[in-house]
Protein backbone atom coordinates (compact mmCIF):
# COMPACT_ATOMS: atom_id res chain seq x y z
CA UNK A 1 21.91 81.65 85.19
CA UNK A 2 20.58 84.21 87.68
CA UNK A 3 17.30 83.96 89.59
CA UNK A 4 15.43 86.70 91.45
CA UNK A 5 13.53 86.18 94.73
CA UNK A 6 11.44 88.87 96.49
CA UNK A 7 12.38 89.21 100.14
CA UNK A 8 12.70 92.07 102.63
CA UNK A 9 14.36 93.81 105.50
CA UNK A 10 12.81 96.00 108.21
CA UNK A 11 13.18 99.63 109.22
CA UNK A 12 10.98 99.79 112.29
CA UNK A 13 7.54 98.70 111.10
CA UNK A 14 8.38 99.66 107.53
CA UNK A 15 9.00 96.77 105.13
CA UNK A 16 11.78 97.47 102.63
CA UNK A 17 11.85 95.20 99.61
CA UNK A 18 15.08 93.33 98.84
CA UNK A 19 15.81 91.76 95.45
CA UNK A 20 17.70 88.55 96.19
CA UNK A 21 19.78 87.46 93.19
CA UNK A 22 21.20 83.93 93.10
CA UNK A 23 23.84 82.92 90.56
CA UNK A 24 25.74 79.67 90.01
CA UNK A 25 28.74 79.91 87.67
CA UNK A 26 31.80 77.88 86.78
CA UNK A 27 34.88 78.28 88.94
CA UNK A 28 36.31 77.03 92.20
CA UNK A 29 33.57 75.83 94.63
CA UNK A 30 32.60 78.75 96.83
CA UNK A 31 29.52 80.16 98.53
CA UNK A 32 29.47 83.96 98.80
CA UNK A 33 26.76 86.30 100.15
CA UNK A 34 27.18 90.01 99.39
CA UNK A 35 25.02 93.12 99.95
CA UNK A 36 25.79 94.14 103.56
CA UNK A 37 24.58 90.94 105.33
CA UNK A 38 24.84 90.74 109.11
CA UNK A 39 26.28 87.81 111.08
CA UNK A 40 23.02 85.81 111.10
CA UNK A 41 22.86 85.95 107.29
CA UNK A 42 26.53 85.04 106.90
CA UNK A 43 25.94 81.95 109.07
CA UNK A 44 23.01 80.90 106.88
CA UNK A 45 25.46 79.21 104.47
CA UNK A 46 25.94 76.32 106.91
CA UNK A 47 22.22 76.01 107.66
CA UNK A 48 21.42 75.97 103.93
CA UNK A 49 24.11 73.41 103.14
CA UNK A 50 22.83 71.03 105.84
CA UNK A 51 19.16 71.60 104.94
CA UNK A 52 19.76 70.77 101.26
CA UNK A 53 21.70 67.65 102.20
CA UNK A 54 18.88 66.54 104.51
CA UNK A 55 16.44 66.37 101.56
CA UNK A 56 18.82 64.28 99.45
CA UNK A 57 20.38 67.02 97.31
CA UNK A 58 23.83 68.57 97.09
CA UNK A 59 24.96 72.13 96.49
CA UNK A 60 26.57 72.47 93.04
CA UNK A 61 30.37 72.18 93.17
CA UNK A 62 30.60 75.62 91.57
CA UNK A 63 30.81 79.28 92.49
CA UNK A 64 27.56 80.32 94.19
CA UNK A 65 26.99 84.06 94.63
CA UNK A 66 24.01 85.57 96.49
CA UNK A 67 23.50 89.31 96.08
CA UNK A 68 21.07 91.24 98.31
CA UNK A 69 20.08 94.39 96.44
CA UNK A 70 20.17 97.29 97.09
CA UNK A 71 23.73 96.60 98.18
CA UNK A 72 24.07 99.73 100.38
CA UNK A 73 21.17 98.77 102.66
CA UNK A 74 22.07 96.84 105.82
CA UNK A 75 20.33 93.41 105.92
CA UNK A 76 19.60 91.72 109.24
CA UNK A 77 17.79 88.57 110.32
CA UNK A 78 17.61 84.82 109.86
CA UNK A 79 14.48 85.19 107.67
CA UNK A 80 16.81 85.38 104.62
CA UNK A 81 17.52 81.61 104.88
CA UNK A 82 14.44 80.52 102.93
CA UNK A 83 14.73 83.02 100.05
CA UNK A 84 18.42 82.15 99.64
CA UNK A 85 17.79 78.41 99.46
CA UNK A 86 14.84 78.90 97.07
CA UNK A 87 17.04 81.03 94.83
CA UNK A 88 19.65 78.26 94.71
CA UNK A 89 17.02 75.55 94.11
CA UNK A 90 15.59 77.64 91.25
CA UNK A 91 19.05 77.86 89.65
CA UNK A 92 19.42 74.09 90.06
CA UNK A 93 16.07 73.58 88.31
CA UNK A 94 14.37 71.97 91.32
CA UNK A 95 11.70 74.73 91.43
CA UNK A 96 10.57 76.92 88.53
CA UNK A 97 11.77 80.50 88.95
CA UNK A 98 8.62 81.80 87.20
CA UNK A 99 6.46 80.37 90.00
CA UNK A 100 8.48 82.20 92.68
CA UNK A 101 8.39 85.66 91.07
CA UNK A 102 4.95 86.52 92.43
CA UNK A 103 5.80 85.78 96.09
CA UNK A 104 7.47 87.50 99.02
CA UNK A 105 9.60 84.93 100.84
CA UNK A 106 10.78 84.76 104.46
CA UNK A 107 11.70 81.95 106.85
CA UNK A 108 14.54 80.43 108.86
CA UNK A 109 15.92 76.97 108.10
CA UNK A 110 16.71 74.16 110.48
CA UNK A 111 19.53 71.72 109.76
CA UNK A 112 16.94 69.02 108.97
CA UNK A 113 15.17 71.17 106.36
CA UNK A 114 12.41 72.40 108.67
CA UNK A 115 11.17 75.96 108.09
CA UNK A 116 11.26 77.71 111.47
CA UNK A 117 9.15 80.72 112.59
CA UNK A 118 10.53 84.25 112.26
CA UNK A 119 9.54 87.72 113.47
CA UNK A 120 7.61 90.27 111.43
CA UNK A 121 5.36 88.04 109.31
CA UNK A 122 2.22 90.17 109.79
CA UNK A 123 3.64 93.48 108.44
CA UNK A 124 5.20 91.55 105.53
CA UNK A 125 1.86 89.91 104.73
CA UNK A 126 0.18 93.34 104.74
CA UNK A 127 2.90 94.64 102.42
CA UNK A 128 2.47 91.65 100.09
CA UNK A 129 -1.30 92.18 99.99
CA UNK A 130 -0.85 95.88 99.17
CA UNK A 131 1.52 95.04 96.30
CA UNK A 132 -0.52 92.11 94.87
CA UNK A 133 2.06 89.51 95.86
CA UNK A 134 1.70 86.15 97.53
CA UNK A 135 3.65 85.11 100.63
CA UNK A 136 5.78 82.08 101.43
CA UNK A 137 6.36 81.76 105.18
CA UNK A 138 6.81 79.13 107.94
CA UNK A 139 3.78 77.02 108.83
CA UNK A 140 3.91 78.28 112.43
CA UNK A 141 3.37 81.85 111.14
CA UNK A 142 0.52 81.01 108.75
CA UNK A 143 -2.31 82.08 111.08
CA UNK A 144 -0.53 85.39 111.70
CA UNK A 145 -0.12 86.04 107.96
CA UNK A 146 -3.76 85.17 107.25
CA UNK A 147 -4.98 88.33 109.06
CA UNK A 148 -3.56 90.42 106.19
CA UNK A 149 -6.09 88.81 103.78
CA UNK A 150 -3.29 88.13 101.30
CA UNK A 151 -4.73 86.14 98.39
CA UNK A 152 -2.00 83.48 98.14
CA UNK A 153 -0.27 82.32 101.33
CA UNK A 154 1.94 79.25 101.34
CA UNK A 155 2.78 78.25 104.91
CA UNK A 156 5.19 75.32 104.64
CA UNK A 157 6.48 73.15 107.49
CA UNK A 158 9.66 72.10 105.64
CA UNK A 159 11.57 72.32 102.37
CA UNK A 160 10.30 68.98 101.03
CA UNK A 161 6.62 69.95 101.32
CA UNK A 162 7.35 73.35 99.73
CA UNK A 163 9.12 71.75 96.75
CA UNK A 164 6.32 69.19 96.35
CA UNK A 165 3.72 71.98 96.46
CA UNK A 166 5.34 73.84 93.57
CA UNK A 167 5.87 70.63 91.62
CA UNK A 168 2.19 69.66 92.04
CA UNK A 169 2.65 66.47 94.06
CA UNK A 170 1.33 68.01 97.31
CA UNK A 171 -1.09 70.81 98.14
CA UNK A 172 -0.44 72.86 101.26
CA UNK A 173 -3.54 74.03 103.07
CA UNK A 174 -4.18 77.78 103.07
CA UNK A 175 -4.00 79.05 106.66
CA UNK A 176 -6.95 80.83 108.22
CA UNK A 177 -6.88 83.67 110.77
CA UNK A 178 -7.47 82.82 114.42
CA UNK A 179 -8.75 85.12 117.12
CA UNK A 180 -8.23 84.65 120.83
CA UNK A 181 -11.70 84.81 122.46
CA UNK A 182 -12.26 87.60 124.96
CA UNK A 183 -12.28 85.84 128.30
CA UNK A 184 -13.51 87.30 131.54
CA UNK A 185 -10.63 88.83 133.48
CA UNK A 186 -9.47 87.17 136.69
CA UNK A 187 -9.29 90.61 138.32
CA UNK A 188 -12.30 92.84 138.88
CA UNK A 189 -12.96 96.32 140.23
CA UNK A 190 -15.33 94.85 142.79
CA UNK A 191 -12.26 93.38 144.53
CA UNK A 192 -11.15 96.88 145.55
CA UNK A 193 -12.29 97.87 149.05
CA UNK A 194 -12.96 101.58 149.58
CA UNK A 195 -11.04 104.03 147.33
CA UNK A 196 -14.21 105.40 145.71
CA UNK A 197 -12.43 108.57 144.55
CA UNK A 198 -9.65 106.55 142.92
CA UNK A 199 -12.15 104.24 141.20
CA UNK A 200 -14.03 107.26 139.83
CA UNK A 201 -10.77 108.77 138.55
CA UNK A 202 -9.86 105.47 136.92
CA UNK A 203 -13.25 105.38 135.16
CA UNK A 204 -12.74 108.93 133.83
CA UNK A 205 -9.23 108.02 132.67
CA UNK A 206 -10.55 104.94 130.86
CA UNK A 207 -13.39 106.84 129.19
CA UNK A 208 -11.15 109.54 127.71
CA UNK A 209 -7.76 107.82 127.46
CA UNK A 210 -6.24 110.21 130.01
CA UNK A 211 -2.91 109.78 131.80
CA UNK A 212 -3.15 109.25 135.56
CA UNK A 213 -0.81 109.46 138.56
CA UNK A 214 -1.68 107.87 141.92
CA UNK A 215 0.13 109.02 145.07
CA UNK A 216 -0.26 107.18 148.35
CA UNK A 217 1.45 105.19 151.11
CA UNK A 218 2.59 101.59 150.59
CA UNK A 219 -0.27 99.06 150.60
CA UNK A 220 -3.03 101.56 149.81
CA UNK A 221 -3.99 99.70 146.60
CA UNK A 222 -2.33 101.73 143.82
CA UNK A 223 -0.97 98.71 141.93
CA UNK A 224 -4.22 96.83 142.52
CA UNK A 225 -6.23 99.65 140.95
CA UNK A 226 -3.87 99.96 137.97
CA UNK A 227 -3.98 96.23 137.23
CA UNK A 228 -7.78 96.44 136.97
CA UNK A 229 -7.83 99.25 134.43
CA UNK A 230 -7.75 96.85 131.42
CA UNK A 231 -10.91 95.18 132.77
CA UNK A 232 -12.92 98.39 132.26
CA UNK A 233 -11.38 99.43 128.92
CA UNK A 234 -13.32 98.63 125.73
CA UNK A 235 -11.89 95.85 123.52
CA UNK A 236 -9.71 96.91 120.59
CA UNK A 237 -11.16 97.16 117.12
CA UNK A 238 -9.71 94.88 114.44
CA UNK A 239 -7.66 97.77 113.03
CA UNK A 240 -6.25 98.61 116.48
CA UNK A 241 -5.49 94.94 117.09
CA UNK A 242 -3.63 94.71 113.77
CA UNK A 243 -1.56 97.81 114.62
CA UNK A 244 -0.61 96.40 118.01
CA UNK A 245 0.01 92.92 116.60
CA UNK A 246 2.38 94.32 113.96
CA UNK A 247 4.57 95.72 116.73
CA UNK A 248 4.42 92.45 118.65
CA UNK A 249 5.28 90.59 115.45
CA UNK A 250 8.42 92.70 114.88
CA UNK A 251 9.40 92.23 118.53
CA UNK A 252 8.81 88.47 118.37
CA UNK A 253 5.94 88.59 120.87
CA UNK A 254 3.00 87.72 118.61
CA UNK A 255 0.74 85.13 120.26
CA UNK A 256 0.77 82.06 117.99
CA UNK A 257 -2.72 81.11 119.17
CA UNK A 258 -4.27 84.07 117.35
CA UNK A 259 -5.04 87.78 117.30
CA UNK A 260 -6.12 89.26 120.62
CA UNK A 261 -8.60 92.13 121.02
CA UNK A 262 -7.61 92.66 124.66
CA UNK A 263 -5.69 95.87 125.21
CA UNK A 264 -2.02 95.42 126.14
CA UNK A 265 -0.89 96.14 129.69
CA UNK A 266 2.86 96.67 130.09
CA UNK A 267 4.43 97.14 133.51
CA UNK A 268 8.23 97.43 133.22
CA UNK A 269 10.39 97.34 136.36
CA UNK A 270 11.80 100.66 137.54
CA UNK A 271 15.32 99.44 136.73
CA UNK A 272 14.44 99.34 132.99
CA UNK A 273 16.91 101.22 130.77
CA UNK A 274 15.93 103.98 128.35
CA UNK A 275 16.20 101.73 125.22
CA UNK A 276 14.13 99.05 126.97
CA UNK A 277 11.38 101.56 127.71
CA UNK A 278 11.29 103.71 124.55
CA UNK A 279 12.99 101.35 122.09
CA UNK A 280 16.36 101.33 120.40
CA UNK A 281 19.40 99.13 120.78
CA UNK A 282 21.60 97.98 117.91
CA UNK A 283 18.68 96.82 115.78
CA UNK A 284 16.25 99.59 116.73
CA UNK A 285 13.68 97.27 118.32
CA UNK A 286 10.38 98.54 119.81
CA UNK A 287 10.34 99.31 123.53
CA UNK A 288 7.68 98.98 126.21
CA UNK A 289 5.89 102.16 125.15
CA UNK A 290 5.38 100.73 121.64
CA UNK A 291 4.35 97.32 122.96
CA UNK A 292 1.74 99.23 125.01
CA UNK A 293 0.37 100.92 121.84
CA UNK A 294 -3.45 101.18 122.08
CA UNK A 295 -3.18 99.97 125.65
CA UNK A 296 -1.77 100.83 129.08
CA UNK A 297 1.78 101.51 130.28
CA UNK A 298 1.98 101.17 134.07
CA UNK A 299 5.02 102.68 135.80
CA UNK A 300 5.07 101.66 139.45
CA UNK A 301 7.40 103.53 141.84
CA UNK A 302 7.68 106.37 139.30
CA UNK A 303 10.48 108.38 141.02
CA UNK A 304 12.68 105.27 141.14
CA UNK A 305 13.00 105.25 137.33
CA UNK A 306 16.11 106.87 135.90
CA UNK A 307 15.55 110.60 135.34
CA UNK A 308 16.65 110.51 131.69
CA UNK A 309 14.40 107.49 131.07
CA UNK A 310 11.34 109.37 132.32
CA UNK A 311 12.23 112.47 130.31
CA UNK A 312 12.31 110.31 127.17
CA UNK A 313 8.54 109.82 127.62
CA UNK A 314 7.74 113.48 127.05
CA UNK A 315 7.72 113.43 123.24
CA UNK A 316 5.73 110.18 122.76
CA UNK A 317 3.17 111.29 125.37
CA UNK A 318 2.52 114.37 123.24
CA UNK A 319 2.84 112.93 119.71
CA UNK A 320 1.79 109.27 120.04
CA UNK A 321 4.97 107.95 118.43
CA UNK A 322 8.68 107.56 119.17
CA UNK A 323 11.49 108.43 116.78
CA UNK A 324 14.69 106.45 117.28
CA UNK A 325 17.76 107.93 115.61
CA UNK A 326 20.78 105.75 114.91
CA UNK A 327 23.85 106.16 112.72
CA UNK A 328 22.53 103.71 110.12
CA UNK A 329 18.81 104.47 110.26
CA UNK A 330 16.01 106.62 111.64
CA UNK A 331 13.10 104.52 112.88
CA UNK A 332 9.62 105.57 113.97
CA UNK A 333 7.40 103.31 116.08
CA UNK A 334 3.80 104.07 117.13
CA UNK A 335 3.44 104.72 120.86
CA UNK A 336 -0.12 105.88 121.52
CA UNK A 337 -0.39 104.54 125.05
CA UNK A 338 -2.21 105.53 128.22
CA UNK A 339 0.22 106.24 131.06
CA UNK A 340 -0.77 105.09 134.54
CA UNK A 341 1.82 105.82 137.23
CA UNK A 342 2.02 105.19 140.95
CA UNK A 343 4.34 106.48 143.65
CA UNK A 344 4.78 106.91 147.38
CA UNK A 345 4.66 110.46 148.78
CA UNK A 346 8.27 110.13 150.01
CA UNK A 347 11.07 107.60 150.14
CA UNK A 348 9.84 105.94 153.36
CA UNK A 349 6.24 106.25 152.14
CA UNK A 350 4.84 107.36 155.49
CA UNK A 351 4.61 111.13 155.06
CA UNK A 352 1.77 112.54 157.17
CA UNK A 353 1.67 109.57 159.58
CA UNK A 354 3.37 111.08 162.62
CA UNK A 355 4.06 107.76 164.29
CA UNK A 356 5.70 106.31 161.14
CA UNK A 357 7.30 109.10 159.13
CA UNK A 358 11.07 109.41 159.15
CA UNK A 359 13.10 112.12 160.92
CA UNK A 360 13.81 113.97 157.62
CA UNK A 361 10.14 114.72 156.86
CA UNK A 362 9.01 116.83 155.08
CA UNK A 363 12.37 117.60 153.40
CA UNK A 364 12.71 114.00 152.19
CA UNK A 365 9.32 114.27 150.46
CA UNK A 366 10.35 117.46 148.66
CA UNK A 367 13.55 115.82 147.44
CA UNK A 368 11.61 112.73 146.35
CA UNK A 369 9.06 114.72 144.37
CA UNK A 370 11.73 116.70 142.51
CA UNK A 371 12.80 113.47 140.76
CA UNK A 372 9.78 114.01 138.48
CA UNK A 373 10.13 117.06 136.25
CA UNK A 374 7.45 119.70 135.83
CA UNK A 375 7.09 119.17 132.04
CA UNK A 376 6.38 115.46 132.59
CA UNK A 377 3.82 116.19 135.32
CA UNK A 378 2.21 118.74 132.99
CA UNK A 379 1.42 115.89 130.58
CA UNK A 380 -0.46 113.90 133.23
CA UNK A 381 -4.16 114.82 133.24
CA UNK A 382 -5.22 113.27 136.54
CA UNK A 383 -3.28 113.36 139.82
CA UNK A 384 -5.04 111.76 142.78
CA UNK A 385 -4.17 110.78 146.32
CA UNK A 386 -4.82 107.18 147.32
CA UNK A 387 -4.97 107.11 151.13
CA UNK A 388 -4.52 104.01 153.24
CA UNK A 389 -7.63 101.85 153.52
CA UNK A 390 -9.13 101.70 157.00
CA UNK A 391 -9.66 98.34 158.78
CA UNK A 392 -13.40 99.01 158.72
CA UNK A 393 -13.40 99.18 154.93
CA UNK A 394 -11.25 96.05 154.67
CA UNK A 395 -13.64 94.12 156.92
CA UNK A 396 -16.69 95.22 154.91
CA UNK A 397 -18.03 92.22 152.96
CA UNK A 398 -20.13 94.39 150.67
CA UNK A 399 -18.84 94.38 147.09
CA UNK A 400 -18.59 97.48 144.92
CA UNK A 401 -19.46 97.86 141.24
CA UNK A 402 -18.11 95.18 138.94
CA UNK A 403 -15.76 95.91 136.05
CA UNK A 404 -18.49 94.97 133.58
CA UNK A 405 -20.85 97.67 134.90
CA UNK A 406 -18.13 100.33 134.78
CA UNK A 407 -16.97 99.15 131.35
CA UNK A 408 -20.47 99.66 129.93
CA UNK A 409 -20.35 103.34 130.95
CA UNK A 410 -16.84 103.69 129.50
CA UNK A 411 -17.92 102.15 126.18
CA UNK A 412 -20.97 104.44 126.05
CA UNK A 413 -18.76 107.51 126.62
CA UNK A 414 -16.39 106.42 123.86
CA UNK A 415 -19.29 105.85 121.49
CA UNK A 416 -20.38 109.44 122.15
CA UNK A 417 -16.86 110.62 121.28
CA UNK A 418 -16.82 108.53 118.10
CA UNK A 419 -20.25 109.77 117.01
CA UNK A 420 -19.21 113.37 117.60
CA UNK A 421 -16.13 112.97 115.37
CA UNK A 422 -18.19 111.23 112.68
CA UNK A 423 -20.64 114.16 112.62
CA UNK A 424 -17.67 116.45 111.98
CA UNK A 425 -16.62 114.29 109.02
CA UNK A 426 -13.65 112.68 110.81
CA UNK A 427 -13.43 108.92 110.27
CA UNK A 428 -10.30 108.19 112.32
CA UNK A 429 -11.35 107.81 115.95
CA UNK A 430 -9.34 109.38 118.76
CA UNK A 431 -10.17 109.71 122.43
CA UNK A 432 -10.75 113.06 124.14
CA UNK A 433 -7.18 112.98 125.47
CA UNK A 434 -5.87 113.28 121.88
CA UNK A 435 -7.94 116.31 120.84
CA UNK A 436 -5.86 119.27 119.65
CA UNK A 437 -6.15 122.71 118.10
CA UNK A 438 -9.33 123.74 116.32
CA UNK A 439 -10.84 120.28 116.76
CA UNK A 440 -10.63 120.73 120.55
CA UNK A 441 -12.35 124.13 120.28
CA UNK A 442 -15.11 122.74 118.06
CA UNK A 443 -15.85 119.79 120.34
CA UNK A 444 -15.55 121.43 123.76
CA UNK A 445 -18.69 123.58 123.91
CA UNK A 446 -18.45 125.15 127.35
CA UNK A 447 -20.99 126.95 129.53
CA UNK A 448 -20.19 130.57 130.43
CA UNK A 449 -20.02 129.93 134.20
CA UNK A 450 -17.79 126.91 133.59
CA UNK A 451 -15.48 128.98 131.38
CA UNK A 452 -15.18 131.69 134.05
CA UNK A 453 -14.24 129.07 136.66
CA UNK A 454 -11.58 127.55 134.41
CA UNK A 455 -10.06 130.92 133.49
CA UNK A 456 -10.00 132.09 137.11
CA UNK A 457 -8.33 128.86 138.26
CA UNK A 458 -5.80 128.94 135.41
CA UNK A 459 -4.92 132.57 136.20
CA UNK A 460 -4.58 132.00 139.95
CA UNK A 461 -2.50 128.82 139.61
CA UNK A 462 -0.50 129.90 136.52
CA UNK A 463 -1.56 126.92 134.44
CA UNK A 464 0.38 126.40 131.24
CA UNK A 465 -1.43 126.33 127.89
CA UNK A 466 -0.98 122.54 127.86
CA UNK A 467 -2.49 122.17 131.35
CA UNK A 468 -5.39 124.45 130.40
CA UNK A 469 -6.27 122.37 127.34
CA UNK A 470 -5.80 119.08 129.19
CA UNK A 471 -8.24 120.27 131.85
CA UNK A 472 -10.71 121.11 129.09
CA UNK A 473 -10.35 117.63 127.56
CA UNK A 474 -10.81 116.06 130.98
CA UNK A 475 -14.00 118.05 131.57
CA UNK A 476 -15.26 116.94 128.12
CA UNK A 477 -14.82 113.30 129.18
CA UNK A 478 -16.64 113.86 132.47
CA UNK A 479 -19.52 115.45 130.54
CA UNK A 480 -19.58 112.48 128.14
CA UNK A 481 -19.86 110.07 131.07
CA UNK A 482 -22.95 112.01 132.17
CA UNK A 483 -24.24 112.20 128.57
CA UNK A 484 -24.11 116.02 128.56
CA UNK A 485 -23.54 117.81 125.25
CA UNK A 486 -22.19 120.97 126.92
CA UNK A 487 -19.38 121.25 129.51
CA UNK A 488 -20.95 122.58 132.73
CA UNK A 489 -19.46 124.17 135.81
CA UNK A 490 -19.60 120.93 137.83
CA UNK A 491 -17.62 119.15 135.08
CA UNK A 492 -14.89 121.79 135.18
CA UNK A 493 -14.87 121.64 138.98
CA UNK A 494 -14.34 117.87 138.98
CA UNK A 495 -11.66 118.14 136.29
CA UNK A 496 -9.81 120.80 138.32
CA UNK A 497 -9.98 118.65 141.44
CA UNK A 498 -8.04 115.95 139.56
CA UNK A 499 -5.25 118.39 138.70
CA UNK A 500 -4.60 119.50 142.30
CA UNK A 501 -2.47 117.71 144.85
CA UNK A 502 -0.89 118.81 148.10
CA UNK A 503 2.32 117.12 146.93
CA UNK A 504 2.74 119.19 143.72
């Protein structure tokens, strides 16, 4: 007798269906798994044997063959444990095979028969819902699966309860989705003393989703400002949260307490490798730029990152995704993130302070700046200097604007952008930073004087086509913050001021 169980393997975020076939036949006792299984699947034989013994059963003293079809597709992950054991139990007659045909199955087994949590439950639940299938998964992953609105979810804590559920002696409760409440952030923009120009630039970046680079001496507040950007960003929509949560689910970082609408903030150390930042490795796992999808990627001490690692950011910054090519597979992960970077003006960080700067100034600063390539800088919309804060500003007890006040202006600007796209018949929302081609021309209605200023500046400073269009998008965001339908000269002037720096 042969039974069929629906299970899966992953290619990035894509779920690829696997037909698990279990067969028990006469012959010398043996347990064989075929179909390109990896080491974790090969080891499942011992977990399954112990789990079945723990519930008072024994594997048949016959030849057991498990085939994972299609056989030429590499299978990875411990989530094959549960479908394999259910296939064997169906052959043994413990569970009816007809009842299992309408489910996708995934879960890892403990030696005591417990069903342990696995990665990737959310994308599998969405796949099951799309294909009118139910889902059998670990109890710990039930709340995650419930966000897919799959009709029939069985989240079982162990094998015994799962068998009893199918045999009608126990009913497992259907899990319900949980959402982490939006709590007030422990950091606030009002904590920042001085730095009014930097706070304004951060507000513009938040309103339009623009990339930003801060340059200043050590201790001027660059990291402090960056850490407060999430507090002024609007919460994610449910669809954005599901996209981000799918990536976290694949990476094993999904918060078991529920779905969060707070935008992710990733700040990898400058020693991070290229695969750690952009994704890859043997299994093609998502990197920091994908974990920051719909959120913020903060790169502190930008020139200290490996040159090739920084260059790997160029394509995702332009396209909003990352393509990872390996011998066995080509994987695409979403990577629509907002880049916020910070750096010192030179290696010692004291350029321009005569009493502190090193003996190699300004040559050391030139060498330090050349670590960042021109094409990467061209993709950064805002470049600002963050000077040292004076003692008078530090001693001032007067507080600035709170994050909540700034966030309200940011949300209003984004609502204007969304309404504008809706009027053009575009339902998928994108920020001003993502506008391209004809859509950019249609949206950026510019005043004649403003256009003359932009053209003159672009001609004098030899701006690339990318820099020209990014300046236009930036001016559109500034106009949205002031609730102006047309881009005026003062908007272009402010946008151009953010693209100039004495260091570049």
